[in-house]
């Protein structure tokens, strides 16, 4: 009997993926008023739907490889055989290595800058569940090839997942959904040989090979994003309020010991599920968006064009956002601050007005703020304008116009910006160091890429709606 048999597919590759969350993950449920995580109806555990992973991979393929490749590999209902040749399983989490966290956000009215009203209430408080960064997820991908030398798109997609160009879940513009590949075990089943068919019939016993490093060497022709970073030190203190007050953390970081029955602080700095002090991406996004929109309004970029096209601001933030803001980790310890509530109407001290807050601050309160700009569907001029808006906002952080967190009226959230940089993949487009002259309160800026930044600023000055 000949070894070669007729088959629809000559080669089937099975990828066993082990990935870790670089950033928090939110896979939303349709139930409840707040942002609950999607729970599997059988296991009762959080999971990532296979359709969500497949959709993200297909969207990336169509946008950055080719529409034909997306149709060929992920299916097309208009073709005779429109089935996908890449099949995904649900992503399940390592039960011993994942955590959940709950974060509170406030919806802001863009017109007033205050908390948005909802259903007759004065403000809108949103609570969202997340799977904590560092959690492990496992899923499988089956790749069906018509010939053994067929050029596939899957390794490019896996490279894009590893470098952050493919994001999963929701809340993406708030810094969620980035993954890093930990292990990719490949089982190859050559359907034209008896051994290959045996592998396919008994995958559990088939030999596999970890190709994670090979995937990282795959070249992607079109980089899909720019990355902005800003290294800062908070001058006095910063407080992004969290819902929970952790006595042991406060005692460990401040050296203060609370007596039995002593009142704990009313609020403390937000922490993630790994007990790291953070500025959430949603908080940074709100501050940057508000300031960028002020600059756009001044430059006339908030208006709709004569052709009825969207304003630049709508293109950046509405529909599918082009800017993604990530959690920033704060080094250093904490301080306790005691404050007094003042009656707005009388100007006097309110009854029982003393309250405590545990804040981050001091010379060790360092942080790096990261922002990613996805270039999809943006012209080169629009990319330059957005780059200029981000650098101007970072500049205004450096000179004390923009602050982060709460309590700017008592000096919180202001920062010394040590450096700002812009990268396109591995290529550094600009890197600036900022130094303050305390004698005359001026700032000196030096570095590389000034010509590129100047060209971006000139594009912004044109005030044209693309």
Protein backbone atom coordinates (compact mmCIF):
# COMPACT_ATOMS: atom_id res chain seq x y z
CA UNK A 1 0.00 0.00 0.00
CA UNK A 2 1.54 3.37 -0.98
CA UNK A 3 2.48 5.66 1.92
CA UNK A 4 1.03 8.75 0.27
CA UNK A 5 -2.75 9.06 0.57
CA UNK A 6 -5.11 11.64 -0.88
CA UNK A 7 -6.12 14.30 1.65
CA UNK A 8 -7.68 17.72 1.60
CA UNK A 9 -4.77 19.10 3.66
CA UNK A 10 -1.21 17.84 3.34
CA UNK A 11 -0.03 19.41 6.60
CA UNK A 12 -1.71 20.19 9.93
CA UNK A 13 0.19 22.23 12.52
CA UNK A 14 -0.96 22.29 16.13
CA UNK A 15 0.29 25.18 18.28
CA UNK A 16 0.03 24.89 22.07
CA UNK A 17 0.27 28.48 23.31
CA UNK A 18 1.30 29.53 26.80
CA UNK A 19 1.16 33.33 27.16
CA UNK A 20 1.28 35.72 30.09
CA UNK A 21 -0.64 38.98 30.50
CA UNK A 22 1.73 41.94 30.24
CA UNK A 23 -1.07 44.32 31.20
CA UNK A 24 -4.45 43.81 32.89
CA UNK A 25 -7.06 41.97 30.82
CA UNK A 26 -10.76 42.77 30.62
CA UNK A 27 -12.99 40.34 28.75
CA UNK A 28 -16.40 41.84 29.34
CA UNK A 29 -19.63 40.08 30.21
CA UNK A 30 -23.02 41.23 28.97
CA UNK A 31 -24.47 40.80 32.47
CA UNK A 32 -24.67 43.45 35.19
CA UNK A 33 -24.37 47.22 35.26
CA UNK A 34 -20.62 47.28 35.91
CA UNK A 35 -17.71 45.75 34.03
CA UNK A 36 -17.92 42.11 35.09
CA UNK A 37 -15.48 39.59 33.65
CA UNK A 38 -16.81 36.87 31.33
CA UNK A 39 -17.17 33.59 33.26
CA UNK A 40 -17.30 30.14 31.66
CA UNK A 41 -20.74 28.57 32.28
CA UNK A 42 -19.27 25.12 33.04
CA UNK A 43 -15.96 25.73 34.85
CA UNK A 44 -17.03 28.95 36.58
CA UNK A 45 -13.63 30.44 35.73
CA UNK A 46 -12.75 33.50 33.60
CA UNK A 47 -11.79 32.71 30.02
CA UNK A 48 -11.14 34.31 26.61
CA UNK A 49 -13.57 33.23 23.92
CA UNK A 50 -12.00 31.57 20.88
CA UNK A 51 -14.01 33.91 18.65
CA UNK A 52 -12.34 36.92 20.30
CA UNK A 53 -8.84 35.56 19.67
CA UNK A 54 -9.72 34.63 16.08
CA UNK A 55 -11.25 38.06 15.44
CA UNK A 56 -8.15 39.89 16.70
CA UNK A 57 -5.85 37.72 14.53
CA UNK A 58 -8.03 38.16 11.45
CA UNK A 59 -8.29 41.93 11.91
CA UNK A 60 -4.50 42.21 12.18
CA UNK A 61 -4.01 40.05 9.07
CA UNK A 62 -6.47 42.12 7.01
CA UNK A 63 -4.96 45.42 8.18
CA UNK A 64 -1.23 44.74 8.08
CA UNK A 65 -0.68 41.73 5.83
CA UNK A 66 -3.45 41.66 3.19
CA UNK A 67 -7.21 41.33 2.84
CA UNK A 68 -6.70 38.33 0.54
CA UNK A 69 -4.61 36.55 3.17
CA UNK A 70 -7.33 37.20 5.76
CA UNK A 71 -9.97 35.68 3.46
CA UNK A 72 -7.76 32.74 2.50
CA UNK A 73 -6.84 31.73 6.04
CA UNK A 74 -9.74 32.94 8.20
CA UNK A 75 -12.58 32.21 5.80
CA UNK A 76 -14.85 34.21 3.52
CA UNK A 77 -18.59 33.62 3.26
CA UNK A 78 -18.55 34.69 -0.40
CA UNK A 79 -16.21 31.85 -1.39
CA UNK A 80 -17.37 28.35 -2.32
CA UNK A 81 -15.49 26.89 0.65
CA UNK A 82 -15.50 29.80 3.06
CA UNK A 83 -14.39 27.93 6.17
CA UNK A 84 -11.43 29.14 8.20
CA UNK A 85 -8.22 27.15 7.89
CA UNK A 86 -7.00 28.42 11.27
CA UNK A 87 -9.04 27.15 14.22
CA UNK A 88 -8.76 28.46 17.80
CA UNK A 89 -9.74 27.09 21.19
CA UNK A 90 -10.87 29.18 24.17
CA UNK A 91 -8.11 30.71 26.28
CA UNK A 92 -8.15 29.23 29.81
CA UNK A 93 -6.17 30.53 32.77
CA UNK A 94 -3.76 28.69 35.02
CA UNK A 95 -5.85 28.27 38.18
CA UNK A 96 -2.80 28.59 40.39
CA UNK A 97 -1.41 31.66 38.67
CA UNK A 98 -4.07 34.26 38.01
CA UNK A 99 -5.62 37.00 40.12
CA UNK A 100 -8.61 39.27 39.82
CA UNK A 101 -8.82 42.94 40.72
CA UNK A 102 -11.54 45.58 40.85
CA UNK A 103 -10.88 49.18 39.85
CA UNK A 104 -13.13 52.20 40.22
CA UNK A 105 -13.34 54.78 37.44
CA UNK A 106 -15.31 57.97 37.05
CA UNK A 107 -17.05 58.94 33.82
CA UNK A 108 -16.14 62.52 32.86
CA UNK A 109 -18.36 64.91 30.92
CA UNK A 110 -16.07 66.30 28.18
CA UNK A 111 -17.97 69.59 28.02
CA UNK A 112 -17.77 70.47 31.71
CA UNK A 113 -14.73 68.48 32.84
CA UNK A 114 -16.74 67.21 35.84
CA UNK A 115 -18.19 63.80 36.62
CA UNK A 116 -20.89 62.94 34.11
CA UNK A 117 -24.52 62.76 35.18
CA UNK A 118 -26.35 59.49 34.64
CA UNK A 119 -30.00 58.64 35.36
CA UNK A 120 -30.48 61.79 37.35
CA UNK A 121 -27.43 61.19 39.58
CA UNK A 122 -24.73 63.80 40.08
CA UNK A 123 -21.90 61.51 38.98
CA UNK A 124 -21.21 58.21 37.29
CA UNK A 125 -18.98 55.77 39.17
CA UNK A 126 -17.85 52.73 37.19
CA UNK A 127 -16.37 49.59 38.69
CA UNK A 128 -14.55 47.26 36.33
CA UNK A 129 -13.13 43.79 36.92
CA UNK A 130 -9.75 42.85 35.48
CA UNK A 131 -7.50 39.83 35.34
CA UNK A 132 -4.19 40.98 36.79
CA UNK A 133 -1.00 41.35 34.78
CA UNK A 134 1.20 38.28 35.16
CA UNK A 135 -1.66 35.79 34.83
CA UNK A 136 -1.02 32.81 32.54
CA UNK A 137 -3.38 31.76 29.73
CA UNK A 138 -3.34 28.63 27.54
CA UNK A 139 -4.99 28.03 24.17
CA UNK A 140 -4.47 25.97 21.01
CA UNK A 141 -4.40 26.86 17.34
CA UNK A 142 -4.89 24.36 14.51
CA UNK A 143 -3.46 25.38 11.12
CA UNK A 144 -4.55 23.43 8.02
CA UNK A 145 -2.20 23.75 5.01
CA UNK A 146 -3.04 22.60 1.47
CA UNK A 147 0.64 21.99 0.75
CA UNK A 148 3.72 21.46 2.87
CA UNK A 149 5.46 24.60 1.55
CA UNK A 150 2.44 26.93 1.77
CA UNK A 151 3.26 30.40 3.15
CA UNK A 152 1.08 31.01 6.19
CA UNK A 153 0.26 34.12 8.25
CA UNK A 154 0.05 32.55 11.69
CA UNK A 155 3.67 33.03 12.79
CA UNK A 156 3.44 36.73 11.89
CA UNK A 157 0.26 36.99 13.96
CA UNK A 158 1.94 35.28 16.91
CA UNK A 159 4.88 37.70 16.60
CA UNK A 160 2.34 40.58 16.63
CA UNK A 161 0.70 39.13 19.76
CA UNK A 162 4.09 38.94 21.45
CA UNK A 163 5.11 42.53 20.60
CA UNK A 164 1.76 44.10 21.51
CA UNK A 165 0.41 44.78 18.03
CA UNK A 166 -2.43 42.30 18.60
CA UNK A 167 -4.51 43.02 21.70
CA UNK A 168 -7.21 40.85 23.25
CA UNK A 169 -10.34 41.70 25.21
CA UNK A 170 -11.76 45.16 25.91
CA UNK A 171 -10.67 48.43 27.56
CA UNK A 172 -7.78 48.46 25.08
CA UNK A 173 -7.25 52.23 25.05
CA UNK A 174 -6.89 52.05 28.87
CA UNK A 175 -3.86 49.81 28.48
CA UNK A 176 -5.42 46.35 28.64
CA UNK A 177 -4.97 43.23 26.53
CA UNK A 178 -1.20 42.95 25.92
CA UNK A 179 0.42 39.51 26.06
CA UNK A 180 3.89 38.03 26.00
CA UNK A 181 4.51 34.54 24.64
CA UNK A 182 6.05 32.24 27.22
CA UNK A 183 6.06 28.99 25.24
CA UNK A 184 4.80 27.85 21.84
CA UNK A 185 4.94 24.06 21.40
CA UNK A 186 4.46 23.03 17.76
CA UNK A 187 3.29 19.57 16.67
CA UNK A 188 3.62 19.00 12.91
CA UNK A 189 1.37 16.37 11.30
CA UNK A 190 2.38 15.47 7.74
CA UNK A 191 -0.83 13.92 6.42
CA UNK A 192 0.97 12.36 3.44
CA UNK A 193 2.97 10.00 5.68
CA UNK A 194 1.94 7.24 8.06
CA UNK A 195 3.89 8.78 10.96
CA UNK A 196 2.24 12.14 10.39
CA UNK A 197 -1.22 10.57 10.41
CA UNK A 198 -0.35 8.74 13.63
CA UNK A 199 0.63 12.06 15.21
CA UNK A 200 -2.69 13.53 14.17
CA UNK A 201 -4.55 10.55 15.62
CA UNK A 202 -2.74 10.77 18.96
CA UNK A 203 -1.63 14.35 19.61
CA UNK A 204 -1.01 13.64 23.31
CA UNK A 205 1.82 11.25 22.39
CA UNK A 206 3.22 13.28 19.47
CA UNK A 207 6.58 15.02 19.79
CA UNK A 208 6.53 18.82 20.01
CA UNK A 209 9.12 21.58 19.65
CA UNK A 210 9.16 24.99 21.35
CA UNK A 211 9.37 27.61 18.57
CA UNK A 212 8.88 30.71 20.74
CA UNK A 213 12.29 32.20 19.90
CA UNK A 214 11.84 31.43 16.19
CA UNK A 215 8.58 33.39 16.23
CA UNK A 216 10.34 36.41 17.76
CA UNK A 217 12.76 36.38 14.80
CA UNK A 218 9.95 36.61 12.24
CA UNK A 219 10.08 39.88 10.30
CA UNK A 220 6.96 42.04 10.03
CA UNK A 221 7.06 44.38 7.05
CA UNK A 222 4.82 47.18 8.37
CA UNK A 223 5.26 48.33 11.95
CA UNK A 224 1.81 49.21 13.15
CA UNK A 225 2.52 51.59 16.03
CA UNK A 226 4.68 54.28 17.62
CA UNK A 227 5.59 54.19 21.33
CA UNK A 228 6.00 57.30 23.50
CA UNK A 229 7.66 57.14 26.93
CA UNK A 230 8.09 59.77 29.64
CA UNK A 231 10.33 59.16 32.69
CA UNK A 232 9.16 61.21 35.67
CA UNK A 233 9.66 61.77 39.39
CA UNK A 234 6.73 63.13 41.41
CA UNK A 235 7.86 66.26 43.22
CA UNK A 236 5.70 66.13 46.35
CA UNK A 237 2.99 63.46 46.28
CA UNK A 238 0.56 61.68 44.02
CA UNK A 239 -2.75 60.03 44.86
CA UNK A 240 -4.93 58.02 42.51
CA UNK A 241 -7.58 56.84 44.91
CA UNK A 242 -8.33 53.15 45.27
CA UNK A 243 -11.32 51.56 46.97
CA UNK A 244 -9.31 49.46 49.42
CA UNK A 245 -7.15 50.63 52.33
CA UNK A 246 -4.52 48.01 53.17
CA UNK A 247 -3.23 48.48 56.72
CA UNK A 248 -0.26 46.10 56.36
CA UNK A 249 0.94 47.83 53.17
CA UNK A 250 0.71 51.27 54.77
CA UNK A 251 2.60 50.12 57.88
CA UNK A 252 5.27 48.40 55.82
CA UNK A 253 5.90 51.36 53.50
CA UNK A 254 5.62 54.21 56.04
CA UNK A 255 6.97 52.58 59.23
CA UNK A 256 3.89 53.82 61.11
CA UNK A 257 2.08 51.38 63.40
CA UNK A 258 -1.63 51.82 64.01
CA UNK A 259 -2.95 51.16 67.50
CA UNK A 260 -5.95 48.90 67.98
CA UNK A 261 -9.09 50.86 67.19
CA UNK A 262 -7.15 53.75 65.62
CA UNK A 263 -8.76 55.17 62.50
CA UNK A 264 -7.09 54.11 59.27
CA UNK A 265 -6.62 56.49 56.32
CA UNK A 266 -9.80 57.20 54.36
CA UNK A 267 -8.06 56.64 51.01
CA UNK A 268 -4.76 55.22 49.78
CA UNK A 269 -2.91 54.99 46.49
CA UNK A 270 -4.38 52.48 44.02
CA UNK A 271 -2.61 49.12 43.75
CA UNK A 272 -2.95 46.38 41.15
CA UNK A 273 -3.50 42.70 41.89
CA UNK A 274 0.25 42.20 42.48
CA UNK A 275 0.29 44.92 45.18
CA UNK A 276 2.20 47.41 43.02
CA UNK A 277 1.37 51.11 43.27
CA UNK A 278 0.03 52.26 39.91
CA UNK A 279 -1.35 55.13 37.90
CA UNK A 280 -3.96 53.29 35.81
CA UNK A 281 -3.94 53.82 32.06
CA UNK A 282 -7.51 55.15 32.26
CA UNK A 283 -6.37 57.97 34.57
CA UNK A 284 -3.46 59.00 32.32
CA UNK A 285 -5.73 58.78 29.29
CA UNK A 286 -8.30 61.14 30.85
CA UNK A 287 -5.69 63.77 31.69
CA UNK A 288 -3.94 63.60 28.30
CA UNK A 289 -7.19 63.61 26.35
CA UNK A 290 -8.49 66.67 28.19
CA UNK A 291 -5.28 68.62 27.57
CA UNK A 292 -4.86 67.51 23.95
CA UNK A 293 -8.42 68.59 23.18
CA UNK A 294 -7.64 72.06 24.56
CA UNK A 295 -4.65 72.33 22.22
CA UNK A 296 -6.71 71.05 19.26
CA UNK A 297 -9.40 73.62 19.96
CA UNK A 298 -6.80 76.39 20.03
CA UNK A 299 -5.37 75.12 16.70
CA UNK A 300 -8.81 74.78 15.11
CA UNK A 301 -8.53 71.01 14.84
CA UNK A 302 -11.74 70.34 16.77
CA UNK A 303 -13.93 71.33 13.82
CA UNK A 304 -15.43 69.10 11.14
CA UNK A 305 -13.95 69.72 7.68
CA UNK A 306 -15.89 71.34 4.86
CA UNK A 307 -16.11 67.86 3.31
CA UNK A 308 -17.95 66.63 6.39
CA UNK A 309 -15.10 64.43 7.60
CA UNK A 310 -14.47 63.80 11.29
CA UNK A 311 -12.27 66.15 13.30
CA UNK A 312 -8.80 64.96 14.30
CA UNK A 313 -9.96 64.60 17.91
CA UNK A 314 -12.78 62.27 16.88
CA UNK A 315 -10.36 60.19 14.82
CA UNK A 316 -7.98 59.87 17.77
CA UNK A 317 -10.40 59.04 20.57
CA UNK A 318 -13.79 58.04 19.16
CA UNK A 319 -14.90 54.77 17.55
CA UNK A 320 -11.78 52.56 17.80
CA UNK A 321 -9.20 54.69 19.59
CA UNK A 322 -5.75 55.16 18.06
CA UNK A 323 -4.08 56.00 21.40
CA UNK A 324 -3.47 53.41 24.10
CA UNK A 325 -2.35 54.40 27.62
CA UNK A 326 -0.72 51.82 29.90
CA UNK A 327 -0.51 51.42 33.67
CA UNK A 328 2.46 53.23 35.20
CA UNK A 329 4.17 51.73 38.24
CA UNK A 330 5.28 54.10 41.03
CA UNK A 331 8.45 53.39 42.97
CA UNK A 332 9.18 54.53 46.50
CA UNK A 333 7.10 54.42 49.66
CA UNK A 334 4.07 56.18 51.08
CA UNK A 335 3.35 59.14 53.33
CA UNK A 336 0.32 59.93 55.47
CA UNK A 337 -1.28 63.33 54.97
CA UNK A 338 -3.89 64.82 57.30
CA UNK A 339 -6.32 67.29 55.74
CA UNK A 340 -9.36 69.28 56.79
CA UNK A 341 -12.67 69.48 54.94
CA UNK A 342 -13.92 72.98 54.29
CA UNK A 343 -17.57 73.91 53.82
CA UNK A 344 -17.88 75.36 50.29
CA UNK A 345 -20.66 77.75 51.28
CA UNK A 346 -19.40 79.15 54.59
CA UNK A 347 -15.64 78.74 54.15
CA UNK A 348 -15.40 77.30 57.66
CA UNK A 349 -14.16 73.95 58.90
CA UNK A 350 -16.78 71.23 58.71
CA UNK A 351 -17.73 69.17 61.77
CA UNK A 352 -15.55 66.05 62.14
CA UNK A 353 -13.58 67.34 59.19
CA UNK A 354 -10.14 65.75 59.72
CA UNK A 355 -9.29 62.97 57.31
CA UNK A 356 -6.16 61.03 56.38
CA UNK A 357 -4.88 59.90 53.00
CA UNK A 358 -1.97 57.58 52.21
CA UNK A 359 -0.12 59.02 49.20
CA UNK A 360 3.00 58.20 47.20
CA UNK A 361 5.67 60.84 47.19
CA UNK A 362 9.26 61.85 47.70
CA UNK A 363 12.45 61.57 45.69
CA UNK A 364 11.97 57.84 45.07
CA UNK A 365 8.49 58.14 43.56
CA UNK A 366 9.68 57.44 40.03
CA UNK A 367 7.52 56.25 37.17
CA UNK A 368 7.56 55.68 33.41
CA UNK A 369 4.48 56.65 31.45
CA UNK A 370 3.96 54.72 28.20
CA UNK A 371 1.60 55.57 25.35
CA UNK A 372 1.19 53.71 22.07
CA UNK A 373 -0.15 55.26 18.85
CA UNK A 374 -1.64 52.79 16.35
CA UNK A 375 -1.19 54.12 12.83
CA UNK A 376 -3.99 52.19 11.14
CA UNK A 377 -6.17 54.40 8.86
CA UNK A 378 -4.17 57.54 9.72
CA UNK A 379 -2.34 59.65 7.13
CA UNK A 380 1.29 60.67 7.67
CA UNK A 381 0.18 64.26 8.38
CA UNK A 382 -2.31 63.06 11.00
CA UNK A 383 0.39 60.95 12.66
CA UNK A 384 2.67 64.00 12.80
CA UNK A 385 -0.10 66.13 14.34
CA UNK A 386 -0.88 63.52 17.00
CA UNK A 387 2.84 63.19 17.77
CA UNK A 388 3.04 66.97 18.22
CA UNK A 389 -0.01 66.96 20.52
CA UNK A 390 1.52 64.25 22.70
CA UNK A 391 4.91 65.97 22.94
CA UNK A 392 3.23 69.29 23.80
CA UNK A 393 1.23 67.59 26.55
CA UNK A 394 4.36 65.90 27.92
CA UNK A 395 6.12 69.30 27.78
CA UNK A 396 3.27 70.82 29.80
CA UNK A 397 3.68 68.02 32.35
CA UNK A 398 7.36 69.02 32.60
CA UNK A 399 6.67 72.73 33.22
CA UNK A 400 3.93 72.13 35.80
CA UNK A 401 0.80 72.90 33.77
CA UNK A 402 -0.50 69.31 33.76
CA UNK A 403 -0.73 67.01 36.80
CA UNK A 404 -1.87 63.43 37.38
CA UNK A 405 -4.21 62.02 40.01
CA UNK A 406 -6.28 63.95 42.53
CA UNK A 407 -5.46 66.97 44.68
CA UNK A 408 -3.75 69.26 42.15
CA UNK A 409 -5.08 72.21 44.19
CA UNK A 410 -2.89 71.11 47.12
CA UNK A 411 0.15 70.44 44.95
CA UNK A 412 -0.25 66.76 44.23
CA UNK A 413 0.48 65.03 40.95
CA UNK A 414 3.07 67.52 39.64
CA UNK A 415 6.24 65.98 38.32
CA UNK A 416 9.79 66.47 37.16
CA UNK A 417 10.11 65.02 33.65
CA UNK A 418 13.63 63.68 33.13
CA UNK A 419 13.23 62.44 29.56
CA UNK A 420 10.78 61.96 26.71
CA UNK A 421 11.26 59.55 23.80
CA UNK A 422 9.56 58.22 20.68
CA UNK A 423 10.23 54.83 19.03
CA UNK A 424 9.04 53.22 15.81
CA UNK A 425 9.61 49.54 16.50
CA UNK A 426 13.31 49.21 17.37
CA UNK A 427 14.13 52.56 15.72
CA UNK A 428 14.43 55.56 18.05
CA UNK A 429 12.95 58.63 16.34
CA UNK A 430 13.49 61.12 19.17
CA UNK A 431 14.95 61.18 22.69
CA UNK A 432 14.97 64.36 24.77
CA UNK A 433 16.41 65.15 28.19
CA UNK A 434 14.91 68.02 30.18
CA UNK A 435 16.72 70.01 32.85
CA UNK A 436 15.23 72.76 35.01
CA UNK A 437 17.27 75.85 35.88
CA UNK A 438 16.09 76.72 39.39
CA UNK A 439 17.79 80.14 39.36
CA UNK A 440 15.55 81.67 36.68
CA UNK A 441 12.82 78.99 36.49
CA UNK A 442 13.61 78.05 32.88
CA UNK A 443 13.98 74.68 31.18
CA UNK A 444 16.70 73.32 28.92
CA UNK A 445 15.89 70.58 26.44
CA UNK A 446 18.57 68.56 24.64
CA UNK A 447 18.63 65.34 22.71
CA UNK A 448 18.18 63.71 19.34
CA UNK A 449 15.37 63.86 16.81
CA UNK A 450 14.66 67.58 17.13
CA UNK A 451 14.21 67.90 13.36
CA UNK A 452 11.48 65.25 13.40
CA UNK A 453 9.68 66.90 16.33
CA UNK A 454 9.92 70.29 14.61
CA UNK A 455 8.31 68.84 11.46
CA UNK A 456 5.48 67.46 13.60
CA UNK A 457 4.95 70.84 15.26
CA UNK A 458 4.90 72.55 11.86
CA UNK A 459 2.20 70.09 10.71
CA UNK A 460 0.15 71.01 13.78
CA UNK A 461 0.57 74.74 13.10
CA UNK A 462 -1.04 74.35 9.70
CA UNK A 463 -4.37 73.86 11.46
CA UNK A 464 -5.75 71.84 8.58
CA UNK A 465 -8.40 69.19 9.01
CA UNK A 466 -7.21 66.23 6.96
